[in-house]
């Protein structure tokens, strides 16, 4: 029996400008032919570019537990990154709890400092 296809790898901040870590991770994974679910905050030109590159684009807010649960469900791995801000700790705890609950087998955390008020 053939095992089921693995779920996508979720990358948060995939359209981010701040350091472009999420965008870079997304590109590297897609270049390797891996399925990527790219989490963005808004449908815009950056989200369209991710979709055109082959990513499954999902819109959500890392500070909303229901959004986090929706976008993490079905993923096998999560690359979680957001700019360091007041909500970072809460979002990190939510992501870790949801990832554990839905059975994600790897969670990688990375942080980008907030620079000149830019959002990621």
PDB file of N, CA and C in Angstrom:
ATOM      1  N   UNK A   1       0.837  -1.174   0.000  1.00  0.00           N
ATOM      2  CA  UNK A   1       0.000   0.000   0.000  1.00  0.00           C
ATOM      3  C   UNK A   1       0.885   1.241   0.000  1.00  0.00           C
ATOM      4  N   UNK A   2       0.550   2.213  -0.842  1.00  0.00           N
ATOM      5  CA  UNK A   2       1.308   3.454  -0.928  1.00  0.00           C
ATOM      6  C   UNK A   2       0.885   4.391   0.194  1.00  0.00           C
ATOM      7  N   UNK A   3       1.850   4.950   0.932  1.00  0.00           N
ATOM      8  CA  UNK A   3       1.476   5.871   2.008  1.00  0.00           C
ATOM      9  C   UNK A   3       0.858   7.138   1.414  1.00  0.00           C
ATOM     10  N   UNK A   4       0.009   7.814   2.181  1.00  0.00           N
ATOM     11  CA  UNK A   4      -0.601   9.044   1.676  1.00  0.00           C
ATOM     12  C   UNK A   4       0.461  10.109   1.415  1.00  0.00           C
ATOM     13  N   UNK A   5       0.174  10.977   0.464  1.00  0.00           N
ATOM     14  CA  UNK A   5       1.097  12.074   0.164  1.00  0.00           C
ATOM     15  C   UNK A   5       1.223  12.963   1.390  1.00  0.00           C
ATOM     16  N   UNK A   6       2.431  13.415   1.679  1.00  0.00           N
ATOM     17  CA  UNK A   6       2.604  14.282   2.854  1.00  0.00           C
ATOM     18  C   UNK A   6       1.901  15.614   2.635  1.00  0.00           C
ATOM     19  N   UNK A   7       1.481  16.214   3.738  1.00  0.00           N
ATOM     20  CA  UNK A   7       0.832  17.514   3.666  1.00  0.00           C
ATOM     21  C   UNK A   7       1.827  18.602   3.323  1.00  0.00           C
ATOM     22  N   UNK A   8       1.308  19.791   3.082  1.00  0.00           N
ATOM     23  CA  UNK A   8       2.189  20.903   2.734  1.00  0.00           C
ATOM     24  C   UNK A   8       2.997  21.384   3.932  1.00  0.00           C
ATOM     25  N   UNK A   9       3.985  22.177   3.635  1.00  0.00           N
ATOM     26  CA  UNK A   9       4.786  22.848   4.653  1.00  0.00           C
ATOM     27  C   UNK A   9       4.254  24.271   4.755  1.00  0.00           C
ATOM     28  N   UNK A  10       3.797  24.648   5.944  1.00  0.00           N
ATOM     29  CA  UNK A  10       3.272  25.996   6.156  1.00  0.00           C
ATOM     30  C   UNK A  10       4.415  26.960   6.413  1.00  0.00           C
ATOM     31  N   UNK A  11       4.400  28.095   5.729  1.00  0.00           N
ATOM     32  CA  UNK A  11       5.354  29.171   5.983  1.00  0.00           C
ATOM     33  C   UNK A  11       4.546  30.411   6.320  1.00  0.00           C
ATOM     34  N   UNK A  12       4.724  30.924   7.530  1.00  0.00           N
ATOM     35  CA  UNK A  12       4.048  32.159   7.908  1.00  0.00           C
ATOM     36  C   UNK A  12       4.898  33.342   7.456  1.00  0.00           C
ATOM     37  N   UNK A  13       4.270  34.469   7.271  1.00  0.00           N
ATOM     38  CA  UNK A  13       5.003  35.653   6.824  1.00  0.00           C
ATOM     39  C   UNK A  13       5.598  35.477   5.443  1.00  0.00           C
ATOM     40  N   UNK A  14       4.970  34.649   4.625  1.00  0.00           N
ATOM     41  CA  UNK A  14       5.529  34.295   3.323  1.00  0.00           C
ATOM     42  C   UNK A  14       5.611  35.465   2.357  1.00  0.00           C
ATOM     43  N   UNK A  15       4.779  36.465   2.562  1.00  0.00           N
ATOM     44  CA  UNK A  15       4.811  37.629   1.679  1.00  0.00           C
ATOM     45  C   UNK A  15       5.549  38.794   2.325  1.00  0.00           C
ATOM     46  N   UNK A  16       6.123  38.554   3.490  1.00  0.00           N
ATOM     47  CA  UNK A  16       6.721  39.621   4.276  1.00  0.00           C
ATOM     48  C   UNK A  16       7.852  40.358   3.596  1.00  0.00           C
ATOM     49  N   UNK A  17       7.947  41.620   3.959  1.00  0.00           N
ATOM     50  CA  UNK A  17       9.010  42.476   3.440  1.00  0.00           C
ATOM     51  C   UNK A  17      10.156  42.587   4.429  1.00  0.00           C
ATOM     52  N   UNK A  18       9.859  42.434   5.701  1.00  0.00           N
ATOM     53  CA  UNK A  18      10.836  42.655   6.761  1.00  0.00           C
ATOM     54  C   UNK A  18      11.841  41.517   6.788  1.00  0.00           C
ATOM     55  N   UNK A  19      12.977  41.718   6.178  1.00  0.00           N
ATOM     56  CA  UNK A  19      13.991  40.692   6.127  1.00  0.00           C
ATOM     57  C   UNK A  19      13.719  39.630   5.084  1.00  0.00           C
ATOM     58  N   UNK A  20      12.495  39.543   4.630  1.00  0.00           N
ATOM     59  CA  UNK A  20      12.074  38.597   3.597  1.00  0.00           C
ATOM     60  C   UNK A  20      12.402  37.152   3.943  1.00  0.00           C
ATOM     61  N   UNK A  21      12.466  36.818   5.236  1.00  0.00           N
ATOM     62  CA  UNK A  21      12.809  35.464   5.638  1.00  0.00           C
ATOM     63  C   UNK A  21      11.742  34.486   5.159  1.00  0.00           C
ATOM     64  N   UNK A  22      10.464  34.772   5.446  1.00  0.00           N
ATOM     65  CA  UNK A  22       9.389  33.885   5.034  1.00  0.00           C
ATOM     66  C   UNK A  22       9.330  33.723   3.529  1.00  0.00           C
ATOM     67  N   UNK A  23       9.512  34.809   2.813  1.00  0.00           N
ATOM     68  CA  UNK A  23       9.501  34.756   1.348  1.00  0.00           C
ATOM     69  C   UNK A  23      10.676  33.918   0.834  1.00  0.00           C
ATOM     70  N   UNK A  24      11.839  34.073   1.455  1.00  0.00           N
ATOM     71  CA  UNK A  24      13.020  33.304   1.047  1.00  0.00           C
ATOM     72  C   UNK A  24      12.827  31.821   1.332  1.00  0.00           C
ATOM     73  N   UNK A  25      12.306  31.484   2.513  1.00  0.00           N
ATOM     74  CA  UNK A  25      12.050  30.085   2.862  1.00  0.00           C
ATOM     75  C   UNK A  25      11.052  29.483   1.868  1.00  0.00           C
ATOM     76  N   UNK A  26      10.002  30.222   1.556  1.00  0.00           N
ATOM     77  CA  UNK A  26       9.002  29.744   0.598  1.00  0.00           C
ATOM     78  C   UNK A  26       9.642  29.443  -0.744  1.00  0.00           C
ATOM     79  N   UNK A  27      10.461  30.357  -1.237  1.00  0.00           N
ATOM     80  CA  UNK A  27      11.133  30.147  -2.523  1.00  0.00           C
ATOM     81  C   UNK A  27      12.049  28.934  -2.513  1.00  0.00           C
ATOM     82  N   UNK A  28      12.802  28.760  -1.433  1.00  0.00           N
ATOM     83  CA  UNK A  28      13.709  27.611  -1.337  1.00  0.00           C
ATOM     84  C   UNK A  28      12.946  26.286  -1.333  1.00  0.00           C
ATOM     85  N   UNK A  29      11.838  26.249  -0.603  1.00  0.00           N
ATOM     86  CA  UNK A  29      11.041  25.023  -0.559  1.00  0.00           C
ATOM     87  C   UNK A  29      10.412  24.722  -1.915  1.00  0.00           C
ATOM     88  N   UNK A  30       9.859  25.756  -2.556  1.00  0.00           N
ATOM     89  CA  UNK A  30       9.252  25.558  -3.879  1.00  0.00           C
ATOM     90  C   UNK A  30      10.299  25.120  -4.900  1.00  0.00           C
ATOM     91  N   UNK A  31      11.501  25.693  -4.809  1.00  0.00           N
ATOM     92  CA  UNK A  31      12.582  25.302  -5.722  1.00  0.00           C
ATOM     93  C   UNK A  31      12.926  23.821  -5.582  1.00  0.00           C
ATOM     94  N   UNK A  32      12.693  23.259  -4.395  1.00  0.00           N
ATOM     95  CA  UNK A  32      12.969  21.838  -4.162  1.00  0.00           C
ATOM     96  C   UNK A  32      11.770  20.957  -4.526  1.00  0.00           C
ATOM     97  N   UNK A  33      10.714  21.594  -5.027  1.00  0.00           N
ATOM     98  CA  UNK A  33       9.537  20.839  -5.439  1.00  0.00           C
ATOM     99  C   UNK A  33       8.638  20.407  -4.299  1.00  0.00           C
ATOM    100  N   UNK A  34       8.779  21.046  -3.145  1.00  0.00           N
ATOM    101  CA  UNK A  34       7.973  20.700  -1.983  1.00  0.00           C
ATOM    102  C   UNK A  34       6.674  21.498  -1.976  1.00  0.00           C
ATOM    103  N   UNK A  35       5.588  20.888  -1.479  1.00  0.00           N
ATOM    104  CA  UNK A  35       4.316  21.613  -1.412  1.00  0.00           C
ATOM    105  C   UNK A  35       4.356  22.640  -0.279  1.00  0.00           C
ATOM    106  N   UNK A  36       4.002  23.884  -0.598  1.00  0.00           N
ATOM    107  CA  UNK A  36       4.069  24.965   0.376  1.00  0.00           C
ATOM    108  C   UNK A  36       2.702  25.621   0.520  1.00  0.00           C
ATOM    109  N   UNK A  37       2.276  25.796   1.771  1.00  0.00           N
ATOM    110  CA  UNK A  37       1.109  26.612   2.091  1.00  0.00           C
ATOM    111  C   UNK A  37       1.654  27.915   2.659  1.00  0.00           C
ATOM    112  N   UNK A  38       1.461  28.986   1.938  1.00  0.00           N
ATOM    113  CA  UNK A  38       2.016  30.288   2.317  1.00  0.00           C
ATOM    114  C   UNK A  38       0.951  31.115   3.026  1.00  0.00           C
ATOM    115  N   UNK A  39       1.207  31.445   4.281  1.00  0.00           N
ATOM    116  CA  UNK A  39       0.257  32.256   5.038  1.00  0.00           C
ATOM    117  C   UNK A  39       0.599  33.730   4.871  1.00  0.00           C
ATOM    118  N   UNK A  40      -0.415  34.502   4.483  1.00  0.00           N
ATOM    119  CA  UNK A  40      -0.269  35.942   4.295  1.00  0.00           C
ATOM    120  C   UNK A  40      -1.390  36.647   5.057  1.00  0.00           C
ATOM    121  N   UNK A  41      -1.239  37.927   5.267  1.00  0.00           N
ATOM    122  CA  UNK A  41      -2.293  38.686   5.960  1.00  0.00           C
ATOM    123  C   UNK A  41      -3.311  39.266   5.003  1.00  0.00           C
ATOM    124  N   UNK A  42      -2.911  39.460   3.738  1.00  0.00           N
ATOM    125  CA  UNK A  42      -3.804  40.104   2.769  1.00  0.00           C
ATOM    126  C   UNK A  42      -3.629  39.478   1.383  1.00  0.00           C
ATOM    127  N   UNK A  43      -4.709  39.457   0.611  1.00  0.00           N
ATOM    128  CA  UNK A  43      -4.614  39.105  -0.803  1.00  0.00           C
ATOM    129  C   UNK A  43      -4.123  40.362  -1.515  1.00  0.00           C
ATOM    130  N   UNK A  44      -2.922  40.335  -2.026  1.00  0.00           N
ATOM    131  CA  UNK A  44      -2.375  41.487  -2.736  1.00  0.00           C
ATOM    132  C   UNK A  44      -1.410  40.973  -3.803  1.00  0.00           C
ATOM    133  N   UNK A  45      -0.626  41.859  -4.383  1.00  0.00           N
ATOM    134  CA  UNK A  45       0.307  41.454  -5.440  1.00  0.00           C
ATOM    135  C   UNK A  45       1.336  40.443  -4.940  1.00  0.00           C
ATOM    136  N   UNK A  46       1.765  40.585  -3.692  1.00  0.00           N
ATOM    137  CA  UNK A  46       2.740  39.639  -3.141  1.00  0.00           C
ATOM    138  C   UNK A  46       2.124  38.255  -3.003  1.00  0.00           C
ATOM    139  N   UNK A  47       0.867  38.189  -2.570  1.00  0.00           N
ATOM    140  CA  UNK A  47       0.177  36.907  -2.469  1.00  0.00           C
ATOM    141  C   UNK A  47      -0.003  36.292  -3.862  1.00  0.00           C
ATOM    142  N   UNK A  48      -0.337  37.127  -4.838  1.00  0.00           N
ATOM    143  CA  UNK A  48      -0.500  36.632  -6.213  1.00  0.00           C
ATOM    144  C   UNK A  48       0.813  36.070  -6.751  1.00  0.00           C
ATOM    145  N   UNK A  49       1.934  36.706  -6.404  1.00  0.00           N
ATOM    146  CA  UNK A  49       3.240  36.227  -6.865  1.00  0.00           C
ATOM    147  C   UNK A  49       3.563  34.871  -6.230  1.00  0.00           C
ATOM    148  N   UNK A  50       3.215  34.693  -4.965  1.00  0.00           N
ATOM    149  CA  UNK A  50       3.427  33.400  -4.306  1.00  0.00           C
ATOM    150  C   UNK A  50       2.600  32.313  -4.975  1.00  0.00           C
ATOM    151  N   UNK A  51       1.352  32.653  -5.276  1.00  0.00           N
ATOM    152  CA  UNK A  51       0.467  31.697  -5.943  1.00  0.00           C
ATOM    153  C   UNK A  51       1.023  31.331  -7.317  1.00  0.00           C
ATOM    154  N   UNK A  52       1.494  32.324  -8.064  1.00  0.00           N
ATOM    155  CA  UNK A  52       2.058  32.085  -9.396  1.00  0.00           C
ATOM    156  C   UNK A  52       3.313  31.214  -9.324  1.00  0.00           C
ATOM    157  N   UNK A  53       4.041  31.301  -8.203  1.00  0.00           N
ATOM    158  CA  UNK A  53       5.256  30.492  -8.023  1.00  0.00           C
ATOM    159  C   UNK A  53       4.925  29.047  -7.652  1.00  0.00           C
ATOM    160  N   UNK A  54       3.656  28.793  -7.299  1.00  0.00           N
ATOM    161  CA  UNK A  54       3.252  27.424  -6.991  1.00  0.00           C
ATOM    162  C   UNK A  54       2.813  27.172  -5.569  1.00  0.00           C
ATOM    163  N   UNK A  55       2.788  28.207  -4.745  1.00  0.00           N
ATOM    164  CA  UNK A  55       2.369  28.028  -3.353  1.00  0.00           C
ATOM    165  C   UNK A  55       0.848  28.060  -3.240  1.00  0.00           C
ATOM    166  N   UNK A  56       0.338  27.331  -2.269  1.00  0.00           N
ATOM    167  CA  UNK A  56      -1.065  27.454  -1.875  1.00  0.00           C
ATOM    168  C   UNK A  56      -1.110  28.643  -0.920  1.00  0.00           C
ATOM    169  N   UNK A  57      -1.825  29.685  -1.271  1.00  0.00           N
ATOM    170  CA  UNK A  57      -1.854  30.898  -0.451  1.00  0.00           C
ATOM    171  C   UNK A  57      -3.097  30.892   0.430  1.00  0.00           C
ATOM    172  N   UNK A  58      -2.893  31.124   1.738  1.00  0.00           N
ATOM    173  CA  UNK A  58      -3.989  31.235   2.688  1.00  0.00           C
ATOM    174  C   UNK A  58      -3.850  32.552   3.448  1.00  0.00           C
ATOM    175  N   UNK A  59      -4.970  33.193   3.685  1.00  0.00           N
ATOM    176  CA  UNK A  59      -4.981  34.469   4.402  1.00  0.00           C
ATOM    177  C   UNK A  59      -5.352  34.192   5.856  1.00  0.00           C
ATOM    178  N   UNK A  60      -4.620  34.816   6.759  1.00  0.00           N
ATOM    179  CA  UNK A  60      -4.929  34.646   8.170  1.00  0.00           C
ATOM    180  C   UNK A  60      -4.146  35.604   9.034  1.00  0.00           C
ATOM    181  N   UNK A  61      -4.522  35.616  10.307  1.00  0.00           N
ATOM    182  CA  UNK A  61      -3.897  36.489  11.293  1.00  0.00           C
ATOM    183  C   UNK A  61      -3.310  35.596  12.389  1.00  0.00           C
ATOM    184  N   UNK A  62      -2.025  35.699  12.628  1.00  0.00           N
ATOM    185  CA  UNK A  62      -1.360  34.870  13.631  1.00  0.00           C
ATOM    186  C   UNK A  62      -1.857  35.128  15.052  1.00  0.00           C
ATOM    187  N   UNK A  63      -2.542  36.238  15.266  1.00  0.00           N
ATOM    188  CA  UNK A  63      -3.073  36.547  16.594  1.00  0.00           C
ATOM    189  C   UNK A  63      -4.493  36.016  16.779  1.00  0.00           C
ATOM    190  N   UNK A  64      -5.043  35.362  15.761  1.00  0.00           N
ATOM    191  CA  UNK A  64      -6.383  34.777  15.834  1.00  0.00           C
ATOM    192  C   UNK A  64      -6.257  33.248  15.867  1.00  0.00           C
ATOM    193  N   UNK A  65      -6.493  32.629  17.019  1.00  0.00           N
ATOM    194  CA  UNK A  65      -6.342  31.177  17.130  1.00  0.00           C
ATOM    195  C   UNK A  65      -7.133  30.389  16.074  1.00  0.00           C
ATOM    196  N   UNK A  66      -8.332  30.826  15.725  1.00  0.00           N
ATOM    197  CA  UNK A  66      -9.119  30.106  14.710  1.00  0.00           C
ATOM    198  C   UNK A  66      -8.414  30.132  13.360  1.00  0.00           C
ATOM    199  N   UNK A  67      -7.797  31.258  13.005  1.00  0.00           N
ATOM    200  CA  UNK A  67      -7.034  31.341  11.751  1.00  0.00           C
ATOM    201  C   UNK A  67      -5.840  30.400  11.797  1.00  0.00           C
ATOM    202  N   UNK A  68      -5.145  30.395  12.922  1.00  0.00           N
ATOM    203  CA  UNK A  68      -3.964  29.543  13.055  1.00  0.00           C
ATOM    204  C   UNK A  68      -4.368  28.072  12.902  1.00  0.00           C
ATOM    205  N   UNK A  69      -5.424  27.678  13.561  1.00  0.00           N
ATOM    206  CA  UNK A  69      -5.886  26.287  13.469  1.00  0.00           C
ATOM    207  C   UNK A  69      -6.236  25.937  12.019  1.00  0.00           C
ATOM    208  N   UNK A  70      -6.941  26.826  11.334  1.00  0.00           N
ATOM    209  CA  UNK A  70      -7.361  26.582   9.949  1.00  0.00           C
ATOM    210  C   UNK A  70      -6.168  26.413   9.023  1.00  0.00           C
ATOM    211  N   UNK A  71      -5.163  27.263   9.148  1.00  0.00           N
ATOM    212  CA  UNK A  71      -4.039  27.193   8.207  1.00  0.00           C
ATOM    213  C   UNK A  71      -3.030  26.094   8.557  1.00  0.00           C
ATOM    214  N   UNK A  72      -2.944  25.730   9.825  1.00  0.00           N
ATOM    215  CA  UNK A  72      -2.012  24.671  10.225  1.00  0.00           C
ATOM    216  C   UNK A  72      -2.580  23.281   9.926  1.00  0.00           C
ATOM    217  N   UNK A  73      -3.886  23.130  10.012  1.00  0.00           N
ATOM    218  CA  UNK A  73      -4.506  21.814   9.812  1.00  0.00           C
ATOM    219  C   UNK A  73      -4.102  21.214   8.468  1.00  0.00           C
ATOM    220  N   UNK A  74      -3.619  19.986   8.542  1.00  0.00           N
ATOM    221  CA  UNK A  74      -3.210  19.275   7.334  1.00  0.00           C
ATOM    222  C   UNK A  74      -1.757  19.457   6.954  1.00  0.00           C
ATOM    223  N   UNK A  75      -1.046  20.324   7.657  1.00  0.00           N
ATOM    224  CA  UNK A  75       0.363  20.560   7.348  1.00  0.00           C
ATOM    225  C   UNK A  75       1.240  19.551   8.090  1.00  0.00           C
ATOM    226  N   UNK A  76       2.370  19.226   7.487  1.00  0.00           N
ATOM    227  CA  UNK A  76       3.301  18.291   8.132  1.00  0.00           C
ATOM    228  C   UNK A  76       4.406  19.022   8.873  1.00  0.00           C
ATOM    229  N   UNK A  77       4.656  20.259   8.499  1.00  0.00           N
ATOM    230  CA  UNK A  77       5.751  21.026   9.083  1.00  0.00           C
ATOM    231  C   UNK A  77       5.362  22.504   9.023  1.00  0.00           C
ATOM    232  N   UNK A  78       5.881  23.287   9.959  1.00  0.00           N
ATOM    233  CA  UNK A  78       5.593  24.721   9.998  1.00  0.00           C
ATOM    234  C   UNK A  78       6.892  25.491  10.177  1.00  0.00           C
ATOM    235  N   UNK A  79       7.097  26.480   9.322  1.00  0.00           N
ATOM    236  CA  UNK A  79       8.144  27.482   9.513  1.00  0.00           C
ATOM    237  C   UNK A  79       7.416  28.734   9.978  1.00  0.00           C
ATOM    238  N   UNK A  80       7.519  29.018  11.262  1.00  0.00           N
ATOM    239  CA  UNK A  80       6.763  30.102  11.880  1.00  0.00           C
ATOM    240  C   UNK A  80       7.667  31.302  12.098  1.00  0.00           C
ATOM    241  N   UNK A  81       7.310  32.407  11.494  1.00  0.00           N
ATOM    242  CA  UNK A  81       8.072  33.639  11.686  1.00  0.00           C
ATOM    243  C   UNK A  81       7.161  34.840  11.640  1.00  0.00           C
ATOM    244  N   UNK A  82       7.460  35.792  12.436  1.00  0.00           N
ATOM    245  CA  UNK A  82       6.758  37.071  12.410  1.00  0.00           C
ATOM    246  C   UNK A  82       7.685  38.094  13.034  1.00  0.00           C
ATOM    247  N   UNK A  83       7.396  39.360  12.781  1.00  0.00           N
ATOM    248  CA  UNK A  83       8.248  40.386  13.357  1.00  0.00           C
ATOM    249  C   UNK A  83       8.087  40.376  14.875  1.00  0.00           C
ATOM    250  N   UNK A  84       9.167  40.681  15.568  1.00  0.00           N
ATOM    251  CA  UNK A  84       9.119  40.736  17.019  1.00  0.00           C
ATOM    252  C   UNK A  84       8.275  41.936  17.409  1.00  0.00           C
ATOM    253  N   UNK A  85       7.205  41.652  18.131  1.00  0.00           N
ATOM    254  CA  UNK A  85       6.270  42.699  18.519  1.00  0.00           C
ATOM    255  C   UNK A  85       5.566  42.268  19.799  1.00  0.00           C
ATOM    256  N   UNK A  86       4.674  43.103  20.277  1.00  0.00           N
ATOM    257  CA  UNK A  86       3.971  42.803  21.523  1.00  0.00           C
ATOM    258  C   UNK A  86       3.181  41.497  21.430  1.00  0.00           C
ATOM    259  N   UNK A  87       2.627  41.187  20.265  1.00  0.00           N
ATOM    260  CA  UNK A  87       1.834  39.982  20.107  1.00  0.00           C
ATOM    261  C   UNK A  87       2.640  38.731  19.795  1.00  0.00           C
ATOM    262  N   UNK A  88       3.951  38.867  19.666  1.00  0.00           N
ATOM    263  CA  UNK A  88       4.784  37.741  19.247  1.00  0.00           C
ATOM    264  C   UNK A  88       4.699  36.557  20.207  1.00  0.00           C
ATOM    265  N   UNK A  89       4.807  36.809  21.500  1.00  0.00           N
ATOM    266  CA  UNK A  89       4.771  35.720  22.476  1.00  0.00           C
ATOM    267  C   UNK A  89       3.440  34.982  22.406  1.00  0.00           C
ATOM    268  N   UNK A  90       2.343  35.722  22.375  1.00  0.00           N
ATOM    269  CA  UNK A  90       1.017  35.098  22.299  1.00  0.00           C
ATOM    270  C   UNK A  90       0.880  34.273  21.019  1.00  0.00           C
ATOM    271  N   UNK A  91       1.305  34.819  19.894  1.00  0.00           N
ATOM    272  CA  UNK A  91       1.218  34.096  18.619  1.00  0.00           C
ATOM    273  C   UNK A  91       2.095  32.852  18.631  1.00  0.00           C
ATOM    274  N   UNK A  92       3.251  32.929  19.249  1.00  0.00           N
ATOM    275  CA  UNK A  92       4.159  31.782  19.330  1.00  0.00           C
ATOM    276  C   UNK A  92       3.528  30.653  20.143  1.00  0.00           C
ATOM    277  N   UNK A  93       2.951  30.989  21.274  1.00  0.00           N
ATOM    278  CA  UNK A  93       2.305  29.990  22.116  1.00  0.00           C
ATOM    279  C   UNK A  93       1.121  29.362  21.380  1.00  0.00           C
ATOM    280  N   UNK A  94       0.321  30.198  20.712  1.00  0.00           N
ATOM    281  CA  UNK A  94      -0.823  29.678  19.951  1.00  0.00           C
ATOM    282  C   UNK A  94      -0.351  28.735  18.859  1.00  0.00           C
ATOM    283  N   UNK A  95       0.665  29.128  18.106  1.00  0.00           N
ATOM    284  CA  UNK A  95       1.170  28.286  17.020  1.00  0.00           C
ATOM    285  C   UNK A  95       1.687  26.959  17.559  1.00  0.00           C
ATOM    286  N   UNK A  96       2.449  26.993  18.633  1.00  0.00           N
ATOM    287  CA  UNK A  96       2.992  25.758  19.204  1.00  0.00           C
ATOM    288  C   UNK A  96       1.875  24.836  19.684  1.00  0.00           C
ATOM    289  N   UNK A  97       0.865  25.393  20.332  1.00  0.00           N
ATOM    290  CA  UNK A  97      -0.243  24.577  20.837  1.00  0.00           C
ATOM    291  C   UNK A  97      -1.034  23.957  19.693  1.00  0.00           C
ATOM    292  N   UNK A  98      -1.331  24.744  18.676  1.00  0.00           N
ATOM    293  CA  UNK A  98      -2.104  24.231  17.541  1.00  0.00           C
ATOM    294  C   UNK A  98      -1.290  23.194  16.777  1.00  0.00           C
ATOM    295  N   UNK A  99      -0.020  23.464  16.546  1.00  0.00           N
ATOM    296  CA  UNK A  99       0.830  22.519  15.816  1.00  0.00           C
ATOM    297  C   UNK A  99       0.872  21.172  16.535  1.00  0.00           C
ATOM    298  N   UNK A 100       0.982  21.210  17.829  1.00  0.00           N
ATOM    299  CA  UNK A 100       0.990  19.957  18.607  1.00  0.00           C
ATOM    300  C   UNK A 100      -0.343  19.246  18.498  1.00  0.00           C
ATOM    301  N   UNK A 101      -1.437  20.000  18.609  1.00  0.00           N
ATOM    302  CA  UNK A 101      -2.775  19.405  18.579  1.00  0.00           C
ATOM    303  C   UNK A 101      -3.081  18.732  17.240  1.00  0.00           C
ATOM    304  N   UNK A 102      -2.662  19.334  16.145  1.00  0.00           N
ATOM    305  CA  UNK A 102      -2.999  18.762  14.833  1.00  0.00           C
ATOM    306  C   UNK A 102      -1.947  17.794  14.323  1.00  0.00           C
ATOM    307  N   UNK A 103      -0.865  17.595  15.079  1.00  0.00           N
ATOM    308  CA  UNK A 103       0.108  16.569  14.730  1.00  0.00           C
ATOM    309  C   UNK A 103       1.203  16.999  13.774  1.00  0.00           C
ATOM    310  N   UNK A 104       1.528  18.271  13.743  1.00  0.00           N
ATOM    311  CA  UNK A 104       2.650  18.734  12.932  1.00  0.00           C
ATOM    312  C   UNK A 104       3.911  18.085  13.473  1.00  0.00           C
ATOM    313  N   UNK A 105       4.756  17.541  12.575  1.00  0.00           N
ATOM    314  CA  UNK A 105       5.925  16.814  13.069  1.00  0.00           C
ATOM    315  C   UNK A 105       7.175  17.674  13.222  1.00  0.00           C
ATOM    316  N   UNK A 106       7.132  18.923  12.816  1.00  0.00           N
ATOM    317  CA  UNK A 106       8.280  19.816  13.025  1.00  0.00           C
ATOM    318  C   UNK A 106       7.797  21.260  13.012  1.00  0.00           C
ATOM    319  N   UNK A 107       8.284  22.034  13.947  1.00  0.00           N
ATOM    320  CA  UNK A 107       7.952  23.448  14.044  1.00  0.00           C
ATOM    321  C   UNK A 107       9.256  24.216  14.176  1.00  0.00           C
ATOM    322  N   UNK A 108       9.531  25.078  13.204  1.00  0.00           N
ATOM    323  CA  UNK A 108      10.735  25.899  13.222  1.00  0.00           C
ATOM    324  C   UNK A 108      10.312  27.340  13.459  1.00  0.00           C
ATOM    325  N   UNK A 109      10.908  27.980  14.444  1.00  0.00           N
ATOM    326  CA  UNK A 109      10.578  29.362  14.776  1.00  0.00           C
ATOM    327  C   UNK A 109      11.704  30.279  14.331  1.00  0.00           C
ATOM    328  N   UNK A 110      11.345  31.404  13.744  1.00  0.00           N
ATOM    329  CA  UNK A 110      12.340  32.427  13.451  1.00  0.00           C
ATOM    330  C   UNK A 110      11.696  33.781  13.651  1.00  0.00           C
ATOM    331  N   UNK A 111      12.495  34.768  14.008  1.00  0.00           N
ATOM    332  CA  UNK A 111      11.973  36.096  14.306  1.00  0.00           C
ATOM    333  C   UNK A 111      12.748  37.148  13.535  1.00  0.00           C
ATOM    334  N   UNK A 112      12.016  38.161  13.099  1.00  0.00           N
ATOM    335  CA  UNK A 112      12.641  39.297  12.413  1.00  0.00           C
ATOM    336  C   UNK A 112      12.360  40.539  13.242  1.00  0.00           C
ATOM    337  N   UNK A 113      13.371  41.324  13.538  1.00  0.00           N
ATOM    338  CA  UNK A 113      13.128  42.535  14.325  1.00  0.00           C
ATOM    339  C   UNK A 113      12.324  43.547  13.515  1.00  0.00           C
ATOM    340  N   UNK A 114      11.502  44.300  14.214  1.00  0.00           N
ATOM    341  CA  UNK A 114      10.722  45.349  13.568  1.00  0.00           C
ATOM    342  C   UNK A 114      11.674  46.520  13.260  1.00  0.00           C
ATOM    343  N   UNK A 115      11.665  46.962  12.018  1.00  0.00           N
ATOM    344  CA  UNK A 115      12.559  48.027  11.590  1.00  0.00           C
ATOM    345  C   UNK A 115      11.748  49.192  11.058  1.00  0.00           C
ATOM    346  N   UNK A 116      11.914  50.362  11.618  1.00  0.00           N
ATOM    347  CA  UNK A 116      11.263  51.572  11.146  1.00  0.00           C
ATOM    348  C   UNK A 116       9.767  51.425  10.986  1.00  0.00           C
ATOM    349  N   UNK A 117       9.131  50.615  11.845  1.00  0.00           N
ATOM    350  CA  UNK A 117       7.681  50.481  11.815  1.00  0.00           C
ATOM    351  C   UNK A 117       7.137  49.642  10.676  1.00  0.00           C
ATOM    352  N   UNK A 118       7.997  48.959   9.916  1.00  0.00           N
ATOM    353  CA  UNK A 118       7.512  48.112   8.829  1.00  0.00           C
ATOM    354  C   UNK A 118       6.933  46.828   9.388  1.00  0.00           C
ATOM    355  N   UNK A 119       5.893  46.328   8.770  1.00  0.00           N
ATOM    356  CA  UNK A 119       5.317  45.038   9.146  1.00  0.00           C
ATOM    357  C   UNK A 119       5.793  43.994   8.180  1.00  0.00           C
ATOM    358  N   UNK A 120       5.921  42.735   8.654  1.00  0.00           N
ATOM    359  CA  UNK A 120       6.379  41.628   7.827  1.00  0.00           C
ATOM    360  C   UNK A 120       5.317  40.977   7.091  1.00  0.00           C
TER     361      UNK A 120
END
